[in-house]
Protein backbone atom coordinates (compact mmCIF):
# COMPACT_ATOMS: atom_id res chain seq x y z
CA UNK A 1 -1.84 -16.49 9.17
CA UNK A 2 -3.31 -19.01 11.19
CA UNK A 3 -2.43 -18.85 14.91
CA UNK A 4 -0.77 -22.00 15.37
CA UNK A 5 3.06 -23.02 14.24
CA UNK A 6 2.16 -24.81 10.87
CA UNK A 7 0.38 -21.83 9.73
CA UNK A 8 3.22 -19.48 10.68
CA UNK A 9 5.82 -21.54 9.02
CA UNK A 10 3.77 -22.34 5.96
CA UNK A 11 3.36 -18.57 5.19
CA UNK A 12 6.98 -17.90 6.24
CA UNK A 13 7.54 -20.94 3.21
CA UNK A 14 5.07 -19.01 0.63
CA UNK A 15 6.59 -14.98 1.23
CA UNK A 16 9.79 -17.19 0.81
CA UNK A 17 9.29 -18.08 -2.03
CA UNK A 18 7.86 -15.38 -3.51
CA UNK A 19 10.48 -13.36 -2.21
CA UNK A 20 12.58 -15.56 -4.43
CA UNK A 21 11.21 -14.59 -8.16
CA UNK A 22 11.58 -10.90 -7.10
CA UNK A 23 7.86 -10.37 -5.94
CA UNK A 24 6.51 -8.65 -3.16
CA UNK A 25 4.56 -9.52 -0.35
CA UNK A 26 2.56 -8.77 2.56
CA UNK A 27 1.88 -10.55 5.80
CA UNK A 28 -0.94 -9.55 8.82
CA UNK A 29 0.37 -10.59 11.91
CA UNK A 30 -2.76 -9.47 13.73
CA UNK A 31 -4.33 -12.93 13.68
CA UNK A 32 -2.00 -14.11 16.60
CA UNK A 33 -2.03 -14.16 20.04
CA UNK A 34 -0.13 -11.36 22.45
CA UNK A 35 2.85 -12.62 23.70
CA UNK A 36 2.44 -14.67 27.36
CA UNK A 37 -1.07 -16.54 26.62
CA UNK A 38 -1.09 -20.09 26.91
CA UNK A 39 -0.97 -22.43 23.98
CA UNK A 40 -4.28 -24.63 23.81
CA UNK A 41 -2.55 -27.44 22.58
CA UNK A 42 0.50 -28.44 23.97
CA UNK A 43 0.23 -25.81 27.00
CA UNK A 44 3.16 -23.33 25.64
CA UNK A 45 3.48 -19.85 26.17
CA UNK A 46 2.66 -17.56 23.09
CA UNK A 47 5.62 -15.32 21.79
CA UNK A 48 2.87 -13.23 20.67
CA UNK A 49 3.47 -11.74 16.68
CA UNK A 50 6.33 -9.18 16.86
CA UNK A 51 8.97 -12.50 17.49
CA UNK A 52 7.18 -13.74 14.52
CA UNK A 53 8.25 -10.88 12.33
CA UNK A 54 11.79 -11.44 13.28
CA UNK A 55 11.72 -14.80 10.95
CA UNK A 56 10.32 -12.33 8.34
CA UNK A 57 13.45 -10.29 8.75
CA UNK A 58 15.67 -13.01 8.85
CA UNK A 59 14.22 -14.62 5.76
CA UNK A 60 14.11 -11.14 3.69
CA UNK A 61 18.34 -10.49 4.78
CA UNK A 62 19.16 -14.22 3.62
CA UNK A 63 17.03 -13.85 0.44
CA UNK A 64 19.37 -10.23 0.13
CA UNK A 65 22.43 -11.94 0.32
CA UNK A 66 22.31 -14.36 -2.20
CA UNK A 67 22.20 -11.46 -4.60
CA UNK A 68 18.29 -12.35 -6.28
CA UNK A 69 16.11 -8.98 -7.64
CA UNK A 70 14.46 -7.11 -4.59
CA UNK A 71 10.87 -7.51 -4.25
CA UNK A 72 9.32 -5.43 -1.71
CA UNK A 73 7.27 -6.90 1.98
CA UNK A 74 5.48 -5.13 4.88
CA UNK A 75 4.31 -6.77 7.23
CA UNK A 76 1.35 -5.35 9.59
CA UNK A 77 -0.64 -5.51 12.85
CA UNK A 78 -4.51 -3.93 13.59
CA UNK A 79 -3.89 -1.27 15.83
CA UNK A 80 -6.16 -2.58 18.50
CA UNK A 81 -4.25 -5.12 19.01
CA UNK A 82 -2.26 -5.69 22.57
CA UNK A 83 0.97 -5.90 21.27
CA UNK A 84 0.71 -2.68 19.12
CA UNK A 85 3.66 -0.69 20.86
CA UNK A 86 5.93 -2.88 20.69
CA UNK A 87 5.28 -3.98 16.96
CA UNK A 88 5.56 0.31 16.22
CA UNK A 89 9.26 -0.54 18.45
CA UNK A 90 9.70 -3.40 16.18
CA UNK A 91 9.16 -1.13 13.20
CA UNK A 92 12.24 1.00 13.83
CA UNK A 93 14.86 -1.78 13.01
CA UNK A 94 12.87 -4.34 11.13
CA UNK A 95 11.91 -4.30 7.28
CA UNK A 96 8.21 -3.50 5.97
CA UNK A 97 6.04 -2.80 9.40
CA UNK A 98 3.37 -0.75 9.00
CA UNK A 99 -0.05 -0.29 11.26
CA UNK A 100 -3.49 -0.65 10.66
CA UNK A 101 -4.86 1.82 12.30
CA UNK A 102 -8.01 3.63 13.01
CA UNK A 103 -9.68 7.45 13.29
CA UNK A 104 -9.84 6.68 17.22
CA UNK A 105 -6.61 4.93 17.68
CA UNK A 106 -4.79 8.26 16.00
CA UNK A 107 -5.41 10.28 18.77
CA UNK A 108 -2.90 8.23 20.80
CA UNK A 109 0.41 8.52 22.20
CA UNK A 110 0.81 5.67 20.16
CA UNK A 111 0.64 6.43 16.93
CA UNK A 112 2.13 10.23 17.76
CA UNK A 113 4.97 8.21 18.62
CA UNK A 114 4.27 6.54 15.27
CA UNK A 115 3.90 9.36 13.08
CA UNK A 116 7.16 10.99 14.57
CA UNK A 117 8.99 7.85 12.49
CA UNK A 118 6.99 8.13 9.68
CA UNK A 119 5.32 10.85 8.35
CA UNK A 120 3.17 11.41 5.39
CA UNK A 121 0.22 12.63 3.32
CA UNK A 122 -0.13 12.92 -0.63
CA UNK A 123 0.02 15.27 -3.27
CA UNK A 124 1.44 15.28 -7.07
CA UNK A 125 1.10 18.79 -9.13
CA UNK A 126 -0.35 18.66 -12.88
CA UNK A 127 -3.20 20.49 -14.48
CA UNK A 128 -6.14 18.41 -13.45
CA UNK A 129 -6.70 17.01 -17.00
CA UNK A 130 -3.06 15.33 -17.86
CA UNK A 131 -4.02 13.82 -14.38
CA UNK A 132 -7.04 12.70 -15.06
CA UNK A 133 -5.89 11.27 -18.29
CA UNK A 134 -2.52 10.14 -16.95
CA UNK A 135 -4.35 7.95 -14.23
CA UNK A 136 -6.64 6.06 -17.23
CA UNK A 137 -3.77 5.15 -19.28
CA UNK A 138 -2.49 3.87 -16.14
CA UNK A 139 -5.09 2.13 -14.81
CA UNK A 140 -5.52 0.13 -17.96
CA UNK A 141 -1.83 -0.11 -18.16
CA UNK A 142 -1.64 -1.72 -14.88
CA UNK A 143 -5.23 -3.93 -15.91
CA UNK A 144 -3.34 -5.81 -18.51
CA UNK A 145 -0.08 -6.41 -16.19
CA UNK A 146 -2.51 -8.75 -14.13
CA UNK A 147 -2.33 -11.02 -17.33
CA UNK A 148 0.58 -10.67 -18.26
CA UNK A 149 2.13 -11.75 -14.79
CA UNK A 150 3.05 -15.09 -13.81
CA UNK A 151 2.75 -15.68 -10.28
CA UNK A 152 4.84 -17.86 -7.53
CA UNK A 153 2.66 -19.44 -5.97
CA UNK A 154 -0.98 -20.84 -7.95
CA UNK A 155 -2.97 -19.25 -4.98
CA UNK A 156 -1.85 -15.46 -5.65
CA UNK A 157 -2.90 -15.98 -9.28
CA UNK A 158 -6.32 -16.98 -8.24
CA UNK A 159 -6.86 -14.42 -5.62
CA UNK A 160 -5.05 -11.40 -8.48
CA UNK A 161 -6.97 -12.26 -11.14
CA UNK A 162 -10.09 -12.77 -9.08
CA UNK A 163 -9.35 -9.75 -7.28
CA UNK A 164 -7.48 -7.64 -10.14
CA UNK A 165 -6.12 -4.95 -7.54
CA UNK A 166 -4.02 -2.39 -9.01
CA UNK A 167 -3.66 0.44 -6.68
CA UNK A 168 -2.47 3.25 -8.75
CA UNK A 169 -0.75 5.89 -6.70
CA UNK A 170 1.68 8.45 -6.55
CA UNK A 171 5.19 9.34 -5.59
CA UNK A 172 7.09 12.73 -5.43
CA UNK A 173 4.91 14.27 -3.10
CA UNK A 174 7.90 16.33 -1.34
CA UNK A 175 9.46 17.47 -4.67
CA UNK A 176 5.88 19.25 -5.68
CA UNK A 177 5.58 21.07 -2.93
CA UNK A 178 9.08 22.23 -2.80
CA UNK A 179 8.90 23.26 -6.07
CA UNK A 180 4.63 24.57 -5.61
CA UNK A 181 6.64 26.90 -2.30
CA UNK A 182 3.86 24.92 -0.27
CA UNK A 183 5.09 23.47 3.39
CA UNK A 184 4.13 19.69 3.56
CA UNK A 185 1.87 20.58 6.83
CA UNK A 186 0.26 23.62 5.38
CA UNK A 187 -3.40 23.94 4.75
CA UNK A 188 -2.51 25.24 1.44
CA UNK A 189 -0.69 21.93 0.47
CA UNK A 190 -3.42 19.89 2.28
CA UNK A 191 -5.72 21.35 -0.38
CA UNK A 192 -3.32 20.44 -3.34
CA UNK A 193 -3.17 16.73 -2.50
CA UNK A 194 -6.81 16.67 -1.86
CA UNK A 195 -7.46 17.20 -5.22
CA UNK A 196 -4.88 16.03 -6.90
CA UNK A 197 -6.02 12.29 -5.47
CA UNK A 198 -9.54 13.29 -5.86
CA UNK A 199 -8.54 13.37 -9.37
CA UNK A 200 -6.41 10.20 -10.12
CA UNK A 201 -9.02 8.58 -7.78
CA UNK A 202 -11.90 9.51 -9.89
CA UNK A 203 -10.54 9.13 -13.39
CA UNK A 204 -9.10 5.90 -11.94
CA UNK A 205 -12.80 4.71 -10.94
CA UNK A 206 -13.93 5.49 -14.24
CA UNK A 207 -11.84 3.97 -16.30
CA UNK A 208 -11.99 0.31 -14.50
CA UNK A 209 -16.12 0.57 -14.91
CA UNK A 210 -15.27 1.26 -18.82
CA UNK A 211 -13.34 -1.77 -18.80
CA UNK A 212 -15.41 -3.68 -17.10
CA UNK A 213 -17.70 -2.99 -20.00
CA UNK A 214 -14.87 -4.42 -22.32
CA UNK A 215 -13.60 -7.24 -20.88
CA UNK A 216 -15.85 -7.66 -17.52
CA UNK A 217 -15.70 -7.04 -13.44
CA UNK A 218 -13.75 -8.74 -11.48
CA UNK A 219 -14.74 -12.33 -10.40
CA UNK A 220 -14.95 -11.32 -7.19
CA UNK A 221 -17.06 -8.27 -6.68
CA UNK A 222 -20.31 -8.64 -5.22
CA UNK A 223 -22.00 -5.45 -6.05
CA UNK A 224 -24.58 -4.61 -3.88
CA UNK A 225 -21.89 -4.73 -1.13
CA UNK A 226 -19.11 -3.12 -3.18
CA UNK A 227 -21.37 0.12 -3.22
CA UNK A 228 -22.44 -0.33 0.22
CA UNK A 229 -18.73 -0.07 1.31
CA UNK A 230 -18.26 4.15 3.19
CA UNK A 231 -15.80 4.63 0.56
CA UNK A 232 -17.97 3.72 -2.43
CA UNK A 233 -20.50 5.63 -0.48
CA UNK A 234 -19.17 8.91 -0.87
CA UNK A 235 -17.87 8.61 -4.54
CA UNK A 236 -19.69 10.08 -6.94
CA UNK A 237 -23.01 9.13 -8.20
CA UNK A 238 -21.89 8.42 -11.77
CA UNK A 239 -19.07 6.02 -10.74
CA UNK A 240 -21.79 4.23 -8.16
CA UNK A 241 -24.10 4.10 -11.65
CA UNK A 242 -22.05 2.65 -13.47
CA UNK A 243 -21.15 0.44 -11.12
CA UNK A 244 -24.46 -0.78 -10.97
CA UNK A 245 -25.09 -0.82 -14.31
CA UNK A 246 -21.68 -2.73 -15.45
CA UNK A 247 -19.53 -3.09 -12.37
CA UNK A 248 -16.05 -2.14 -11.96
CA UNK A 249 -12.76 -4.29 -13.44
CA UNK A 250 -10.45 -3.83 -10.53
CA UNK A 251 -11.33 -4.29 -6.44
CA UNK A 252 -9.08 -1.17 -5.64
CA UNK A 253 -7.71 1.07 -8.20
CA UNK A 254 -6.13 3.23 -6.14
CA UNK A 255 -4.16 2.95 -3.16
CA UNK A 256 -1.48 4.82 -1.47
CA UNK A 257 2.24 3.22 -0.48
CA UNK A 258 4.55 5.43 1.97
CA UNK A 259 7.64 3.49 1.03
CA UNK A 260 7.12 2.33 -2.79
CA UNK A 261 10.83 0.94 -3.34
CA UNK A 262 13.73 1.66 -5.04
CA UNK A 263 11.96 3.31 -8.28
CA UNK A 264 11.90 6.60 -6.34
CA UNK A 265 15.83 6.95 -6.14
CA UNK A 266 16.53 6.03 -9.07
CA UNK A 267 14.57 9.60 -10.10
CA UNK A 268 15.91 11.61 -7.61
CA UNK A 269 12.16 11.77 -6.13
CA UNK A 270 11.26 12.21 -2.73
CA UNK A 271 10.03 8.45 -1.29
CA UNK A 272 6.28 8.62 -1.95
CA UNK A 273 4.42 10.22 -0.14
CA UNK A 274 6.69 11.18 2.53
CA UNK A 275 7.93 14.87 3.59
CA UNK A 276 11.03 15.93 2.87
CA UNK A 277 13.87 16.37 6.00
CA UNK A 278 15.14 19.95 4.67
CA UNK A 279 14.50 21.35 1.05
CA UNK A 280 17.30 23.62 2.06
CA UNK A 281 20.49 23.72 -0.56
CA UNK A 282 18.91 21.07 -1.99
CA UNK A 283 19.87 20.16 -5.97
CA UNK A 284 17.54 19.41 -8.88
CA UNK A 285 17.03 16.14 -9.49
CA UNK A 286 16.20 13.99 -12.97
CA UNK A 287 12.56 12.45 -12.86
CA UNK A 288 9.89 14.87 -11.62
CA UNK A 289 11.92 17.71 -10.41
CA UNK A 290 13.84 17.92 -13.73
CA UNK A 291 10.72 17.37 -16.51
CA UNK A 292 8.54 20.14 -13.75
CA UNK A 293 11.16 22.99 -14.97
């Protein structure tokens, strides 16, 4: 987002048009200067990124009042930004605020405050081969959705089809752990989470590599730079070799969302990867709980 008033309101306009059609939108406020700094053009005093998140919040509330189909919205701020603590406090009352963290920042007081508000790791319980098979099918399906989708703005269509992000993820973490009799933050639960997500991740990447051989890699791919990323250097040798040979169809086959919207509520699942507040007396619901019994 440009650090000037015209650019900020242009981003707000684009977000409004996107939400109007029931699509999701994300905005990074990290580029905006902290509150109190003097403006370069007219000499005014910057109000800071947190003040502008209120515009997005009001815009979203206005569109919801019109009865349009609800889309997801998220605003982010880099953890090293001077406004980070004010942003964290604002996230308790404003829609879709999230924080971009680093390992060093994760040990700070600010992060501990945030984690008390929004807990989460990830897990899904299934046999490995069934989970891998499902991840492969989902990868192909989500890739096809990109070509079938109509995007509100031309720039969105260009980026979506150039990067082909799909972000395959999981939901119902707390329900899975409750059924397994595992405490959410226990070592056993973390081991199950790591194994499950590793299976999903590797299956999705292998399916995307196979798709690249059929339909071609995503057009934004710079192969050497992609393989040099720290995350990719930790992938299995066959995945790295496949990308080096034929590329990969999707820039980001997997992703983890703390709040995926209303789908878990319809299926009576815990929200995405968050912990359940209390399992005592919980009644079995639809979706994963019933299917797992």
